[in-house]
Amino acid sequence: MKVYARTLVAEGFAFPEGPTFDPEGNLYVVDLNSGVITRIRQDGDVGVLAHTGGRPNGAAWNSADGTLTVCDAGLAKLLSVARDGQISVLAREYEGAPFQGPNDCAYDARGNLYFTDPLGSSLETRTGKVYCRLASGEVTLFDDGYAFSNGIAFGPEGDLYVAESRTRRIHRYILSAPGKYRQKSLFVELSGGRGPDGMAFDVEGNLYIAHAGKGCIAVVSPQGRVVEEINAGGSTPTNVAFGGREGDELFITEGETGCVYRLKVRTRGLPLH
């Protein structure tokens, strides 16, 4: 397992998750076990942006309106958090049925939001889902039958990748229209640990996956091969995001230590929508 020079960005979290950046380079981290959303400014200042009152699990920056989109598993809602910390609800149900517990999310280039909804699913009860909240505000079911649908990310070619934690698999979707796909395939199956969590792409098409229980960030090539495992600084990495002035620093949220780390990698992260 390769060890990079790691820098501590912030500490003292109960269970950090969902790292994401705004256009100014400020980092946002959600804390699953405390309900707090923390903003870490470029100058290193750390402050509380908001408290959801639930269990925020994943986040993505909404470039359309300049707000933070948060998946709150405890409230079973999608939330929108403004720069001043004001919280509003983006979605709470599909066809009249409440969500199970949203986990992670990603925007496409058109402002459609794809998010996973796994709470309560397992190998025995495969009820994990993937939804799409269209830019119009309508929620559609994208796919279901997951043994815990978890991390989600778009690749450089516009395909969607979804982590299935209990099977240790990453699935790849070729989209046909917003909220719909024409092909689904197995991209990679990891070994060991508890399974994949959050993930992010670099510009070369390599996928960086927080591999919970194995204590590493698995780097998977565009061909679906694990080419590197990076020591995450603890046994429970939860998610990753690219940032820094050149976009070539990998930020890791780590659950066992309650810390956020960063390390320099050889390439830049794929810009997010």
Protein backbone atom coordinates (compact mmCIF):
# COMPACT_ATOMS: atom_id res chain seq x y z
CA MET A 1 0.00 0.00 0.00
CA LYS A 2 1.55 3.26 -1.13
CA VAL A 3 2.12 5.98 1.46
CA TYR A 4 2.03 9.62 0.33
CA ALA A 5 3.01 12.62 2.44
CA ARG A 6 -0.26 13.47 4.20
CA THR A 7 -1.22 16.84 5.62
CA LEU A 8 -3.86 17.25 8.31
CA VAL A 9 -6.51 19.72 7.13
CA ALA A 10 -8.97 19.54 10.04
CA GLU A 11 -9.77 17.24 12.96
CA GLY A 12 -12.31 16.67 15.70
CA PHE A 13 -15.15 15.37 13.54
CA ALA A 14 -17.44 12.63 14.83
CA PHE A 15 -17.65 10.96 11.40
CA PRO A 16 -16.70 13.21 8.48
CA GLU A 17 -18.17 12.63 5.03
CA GLY A 18 -19.12 14.29 1.75
CA PRO A 19 -16.15 16.59 0.98
CA THR A 20 -16.91 19.06 -1.79
CA PHE A 21 -15.58 22.43 -2.96
CA ASP A 22 -17.24 25.65 -4.05
CA PRO A 23 -15.83 27.68 -6.99
CA GLU A 24 -13.77 29.83 -4.59
CA GLY A 25 -11.94 26.77 -3.25
CA ASN A 26 -13.68 26.54 0.12
CA LEU A 27 -14.09 22.96 1.33
CA TYR A 28 -17.34 21.71 2.85
CA VAL A 29 -17.46 18.60 5.04
CA VAL A 30 -20.58 17.03 6.50
CA ASP A 31 -20.51 15.17 9.81
CA LEU A 32 -22.77 12.15 9.84
CA ASN A 33 -22.81 11.69 13.60
CA SER A 34 -23.15 15.31 14.70
CA GLY A 35 -25.34 16.76 11.95
CA VAL A 36 -22.93 19.66 11.43
CA ILE A 37 -21.82 21.04 8.07
CA THR A 38 -18.36 22.57 8.31
CA ARG A 39 -16.81 25.09 5.92
CA ILE A 40 -13.01 25.14 5.66
CA ARG A 41 -11.83 28.27 3.90
CA GLN A 42 -8.74 28.43 1.73
CA ASP A 43 -6.88 30.32 4.47
CA GLY A 44 -7.49 27.38 6.84
CA ASP A 45 -10.27 28.98 8.88
CA VAL A 46 -12.72 26.30 10.06
CA GLY A 47 -16.28 27.20 10.97
CA VAL A 48 -19.78 25.76 11.21
CA LEU A 49 -21.99 26.59 8.24
CA ALA A 50 -25.15 24.86 9.44
CA HIS A 51 -26.66 22.09 11.55
CA THR A 52 -29.20 19.98 9.71
CA GLY A 53 -30.71 18.29 12.76
CA GLY A 54 -30.21 14.95 11.05
CA ARG A 55 -27.36 12.81 9.71
CA PRO A 56 -25.84 14.48 6.64
CA ASN A 57 -24.00 11.90 4.57
CA GLY A 58 -22.99 13.33 1.20
CA ALA A 59 -22.83 16.67 -0.59
CA ALA A 60 -22.30 18.34 -3.95
CA TRP A 61 -21.99 21.96 -5.01
CA ASN A 62 -24.93 23.26 -7.05
CA SER A 63 -23.34 25.63 -9.54
CA ALA A 64 -26.75 26.69 -10.88
CA ASP A 65 -27.71 28.63 -7.74
CA GLY A 66 -24.52 28.69 -5.65
CA THR A 67 -25.76 26.46 -2.83
CA LEU A 68 -24.62 23.23 -1.23
CA THR A 69 -26.77 20.17 -1.89
CA VAL A 70 -26.76 17.72 1.02
CA CYS A 71 -28.01 14.15 1.30
CA ASP A 72 -29.33 13.75 4.85
CA ALA A 73 -29.80 10.09 5.76
CA GLY A 74 -31.33 10.89 9.15
CA LEU A 75 -33.98 13.26 7.82
CA ALA A 76 -34.41 11.13 4.66
CA LYS A 77 -34.32 14.31 2.56
CA LEU A 78 -32.30 16.20 0.01
CA LEU A 79 -31.38 19.59 1.42
CA SER A 80 -30.16 22.86 -0.05
CA VAL A 81 -27.85 24.92 2.17
CA ALA A 82 -27.22 28.56 1.26
CA ARG A 83 -23.95 30.38 1.90
CA ASP A 84 -25.48 31.97 5.00
CA GLY A 85 -26.44 28.55 6.40
CA GLN A 86 -30.16 28.72 5.63
CA ILE A 87 -31.59 25.27 4.89
CA SER A 88 -34.44 24.35 2.55
CA VAL A 89 -35.76 20.99 1.32
CA LEU A 90 -35.13 19.99 -2.30
CA ALA A 91 -36.90 16.62 -2.19
CA ARG A 92 -38.26 14.18 0.37
CA GLU A 93 -40.17 11.49 -1.54
CA TYR A 94 -40.73 9.57 -4.73
CA GLU A 95 -44.31 8.99 -5.88
CA GLY A 96 -45.58 9.70 -2.38
CA ALA A 97 -43.18 7.35 -0.58
CA PRO A 98 -40.43 8.91 1.58
CA PHE A 99 -36.81 8.21 0.77
CA GLN A 100 -35.04 5.51 2.81
CA GLY A 101 -32.01 7.66 3.64
CA PRO A 102 -30.08 9.50 0.89
CA ASN A 103 -26.33 8.90 0.95
CA ASP A 104 -24.34 10.61 -1.81
CA CYS A 105 -24.98 12.73 -4.90
CA ALA A 106 -23.51 14.13 -8.12
CA TYR A 107 -24.65 16.71 -10.68
CA ASP A 108 -24.43 16.27 -14.44
CA ALA A 109 -23.63 19.07 -16.88
CA ARG A 110 -27.32 19.95 -17.27
CA GLY A 111 -28.04 20.41 -13.58
CA ASN A 112 -29.71 17.04 -13.03
CA LEU A 113 -28.87 15.55 -9.64
CA TYR A 114 -28.27 11.81 -9.25
CA PHE A 115 -28.29 10.43 -5.72
CA THR A 116 -28.14 7.12 -3.90
CA ASP A 117 -30.72 6.03 -1.32
CA PRO A 118 -29.51 2.88 0.46
CA LEU A 119 -30.53 2.99 4.12
CA GLY A 120 -31.80 -0.39 5.32
CA SER A 121 -30.55 -2.31 2.28
CA SER A 122 -28.17 -5.27 2.51
CA LEU A 123 -27.12 -8.44 0.70
CA GLU A 124 -30.29 -10.09 1.97
CA THR A 125 -32.57 -7.08 1.37
CA ARG A 126 -31.51 -5.38 -1.86
CA THR A 127 -33.67 -2.29 -1.66
CA GLY A 128 -30.97 0.30 -2.32
CA LYS A 129 -31.94 2.79 -5.01
CA VAL A 130 -30.51 5.46 -7.28
CA TYR A 131 -32.72 8.45 -8.09
CA CYS A 132 -32.44 11.44 -10.35
CA ARG A 133 -33.81 14.82 -9.40
CA LEU A 134 -34.20 16.49 -12.76
CA ALA A 135 -33.33 20.15 -13.19
CA SER A 136 -37.09 20.74 -13.39
CA GLY A 137 -37.45 19.45 -9.81
CA GLU A 138 -39.13 16.15 -10.71
CA VAL A 139 -37.71 13.04 -9.02
CA THR A 140 -37.41 9.87 -11.11
CA LEU A 141 -36.22 6.37 -10.18
CA PHE A 142 -32.98 5.67 -12.03
CA ASP A 143 -32.23 2.12 -10.79
CA ASP A 144 -32.90 -0.14 -7.81
CA GLY A 145 -32.11 -3.57 -6.37
CA TYR A 146 -28.82 -2.45 -4.80
CA ALA A 147 -27.12 -4.09 -1.83
CA PHE A 148 -26.42 -0.63 -0.39
CA SER A 149 -25.98 1.96 -3.13
CA ASN A 150 -23.33 4.39 -1.93
CA GLY A 151 -20.78 6.62 -3.68
CA ILE A 152 -21.66 8.16 -7.04
CA ALA A 153 -19.62 10.06 -9.63
CA PHE A 154 -19.53 11.06 -13.28
CA GLY A 155 -16.56 10.03 -15.40
CA PRO A 156 -14.86 12.18 -18.04
CA GLU A 157 -16.92 10.59 -20.80
CA GLY A 158 -20.21 11.46 -19.09
CA ASP A 159 -20.98 7.95 -17.85
CA LEU A 160 -22.31 7.50 -14.30
CA TYR A 161 -20.58 5.26 -11.76
CA VAL A 162 -22.30 3.92 -8.63
CA ALA A 163 -20.70 2.06 -5.72
CA GLU A 164 -22.49 -0.96 -4.27
CA SER A 165 -20.90 -1.38 -0.86
CA ARG A 166 -22.06 -4.82 0.22
CA THR A 167 -20.89 -6.50 -3.02
CA ARG A 168 -17.71 -4.34 -3.25
CA ARG A 169 -18.69 -3.48 -6.82
CA ILE A 170 -18.73 -0.32 -8.92
CA HIS A 171 -21.32 -0.22 -11.69
CA ARG A 172 -21.08 1.89 -14.83
CA TYR A 173 -24.06 3.40 -16.65
CA ILE A 174 -24.15 4.79 -20.17
CA LEU A 175 -26.94 7.36 -20.12
CA SER A 176 -29.57 7.72 -22.83
CA ALA A 177 -31.39 10.78 -21.48
CA PRO A 178 -31.58 12.68 -18.17
CA GLY A 179 -32.53 10.13 -15.50
CA LYS A 180 -32.35 7.16 -17.91
CA TYR A 181 -29.69 4.73 -19.09
CA ARG A 182 -29.25 2.41 -22.06
CA GLN A 183 -26.52 0.17 -20.65
CA LYS A 184 -25.33 -0.98 -17.23
CA SER A 185 -22.15 -2.96 -16.67
CA LEU A 186 -19.78 -4.04 -13.91
CA PHE A 187 -16.78 -1.69 -13.88
CA VAL A 188 -14.71 -3.21 -11.06
CA GLU A 189 -15.07 -5.46 -8.02
CA LEU A 190 -12.78 -4.65 -5.11
CA SER A 191 -11.36 -7.18 -2.67
CA GLY A 192 -11.20 -7.04 1.12
CA GLY A 193 -12.53 -4.43 3.49
CA ARG A 194 -16.19 -3.56 3.88
CA GLY A 195 -16.60 -2.08 0.45
CA PRO A 196 -16.48 1.11 -1.61
CA ASP A 197 -17.80 4.41 -0.28
CA GLY A 198 -17.36 7.86 -1.88
CA MET A 199 -15.26 8.38 -5.01
CA ALA A 200 -13.92 10.91 -7.51
CA PHE A 201 -12.26 10.91 -10.95
CA ASP A 202 -9.07 12.49 -12.17
CA VAL A 203 -8.71 14.03 -15.65
CA GLU A 204 -7.09 10.87 -16.98
CA GLY A 205 -10.15 8.78 -16.18
CA ASN A 206 -8.79 7.04 -13.08
CA LEU A 207 -11.34 6.53 -10.32
CA TYR A 208 -10.27 7.14 -6.70
CA ILE A 209 -12.43 5.11 -4.29
CA ALA A 210 -12.59 5.36 -0.51
CA HIS A 211 -12.37 1.70 0.47
CA ALA A 212 -13.90 1.47 3.93
CA GLY A 213 -12.50 -1.20 6.22
CA LYS A 214 -9.35 -1.58 4.13
CA GLY A 215 -7.88 1.78 5.07
CA CYS A 216 -7.03 2.81 1.55
CA ILE A 217 -8.01 4.81 -1.49
CA ALA A 218 -8.22 2.35 -4.37
CA VAL A 219 -7.19 3.85 -7.71
CA VAL A 220 -8.89 2.15 -10.65
CA SER A 221 -7.79 2.67 -14.25
CA PRO A 222 -10.24 3.50 -17.07
CA GLN A 223 -10.02 -0.20 -17.99
CA GLY A 224 -11.39 -1.22 -14.59
CA ARG A 225 -8.16 -2.46 -12.97
CA VAL A 226 -6.95 -1.52 -9.49
CA VAL A 227 -3.55 0.06 -10.22
CA GLU A 228 -2.76 1.53 -6.81
CA GLU A 229 -3.86 1.55 -3.18
CA ILE A 230 -3.07 4.70 -1.19
CA ASN A 231 -2.89 4.65 2.60
CA ALA A 232 -5.83 6.75 3.82
CA GLY A 233 -4.54 7.50 7.32
CA GLY A 234 -7.13 5.31 9.09
CA SER A 235 -9.22 2.19 8.58
CA THR A 236 -12.39 3.96 7.48
CA PRO A 237 -11.98 6.44 4.63
CA THR A 238 -15.45 7.65 3.74
CA ASN A 239 -15.03 9.89 0.71
CA VAL A 240 -12.61 11.84 -1.47
CA ALA A 241 -12.54 15.08 -3.46
CA PHE A 242 -9.94 16.84 -5.57
CA GLY A 243 -8.96 20.39 -4.69
CA GLY A 244 -6.05 22.75 -4.12
CA ARG A 245 -4.89 25.61 -6.33
CA GLU A 246 -3.84 23.27 -9.14
CA GLY A 247 -6.57 20.72 -8.53
CA ASP A 248 -3.99 18.01 -7.89
CA GLU A 249 -4.54 17.49 -4.17
CA LEU A 250 -6.71 14.64 -2.97
CA PHE A 251 -8.77 15.43 0.14
CA ILE A 252 -9.84 12.44 2.23
CA THR A 253 -12.49 12.28 4.95
CA GLU A 254 -11.56 9.54 7.42
CA GLY A 255 -14.04 8.14 9.92
CA GLU A 256 -11.81 6.27 12.36
CA THR A 257 -9.61 9.29 13.14
CA GLY A 258 -12.33 11.93 12.61
CA CYS A 259 -9.97 13.87 10.36
CA VAL A 260 -9.70 15.41 6.93
CA TYR A 261 -6.38 14.84 5.17
CA ARG A 262 -4.89 16.01 1.91
CA LEU A 263 -2.11 14.63 -0.22
CA LYS A 264 -0.51 15.58 -3.51
CA VAL A 265 -1.14 13.19 -6.41
CA ARG A 266 0.37 13.03 -9.88
CA THR A 267 -2.62 14.39 -11.80
CA ARG A 268 -5.51 16.85 -11.49
CA GLY A 269 -9.03 15.98 -10.51
CA LEU A 270 -11.85 16.04 -13.04
CA PRO A 271 -13.70 19.37 -12.75
CA LEU A 272 -17.23 18.93 -11.38
CA HIS A 273 -20.37 20.49 -12.78
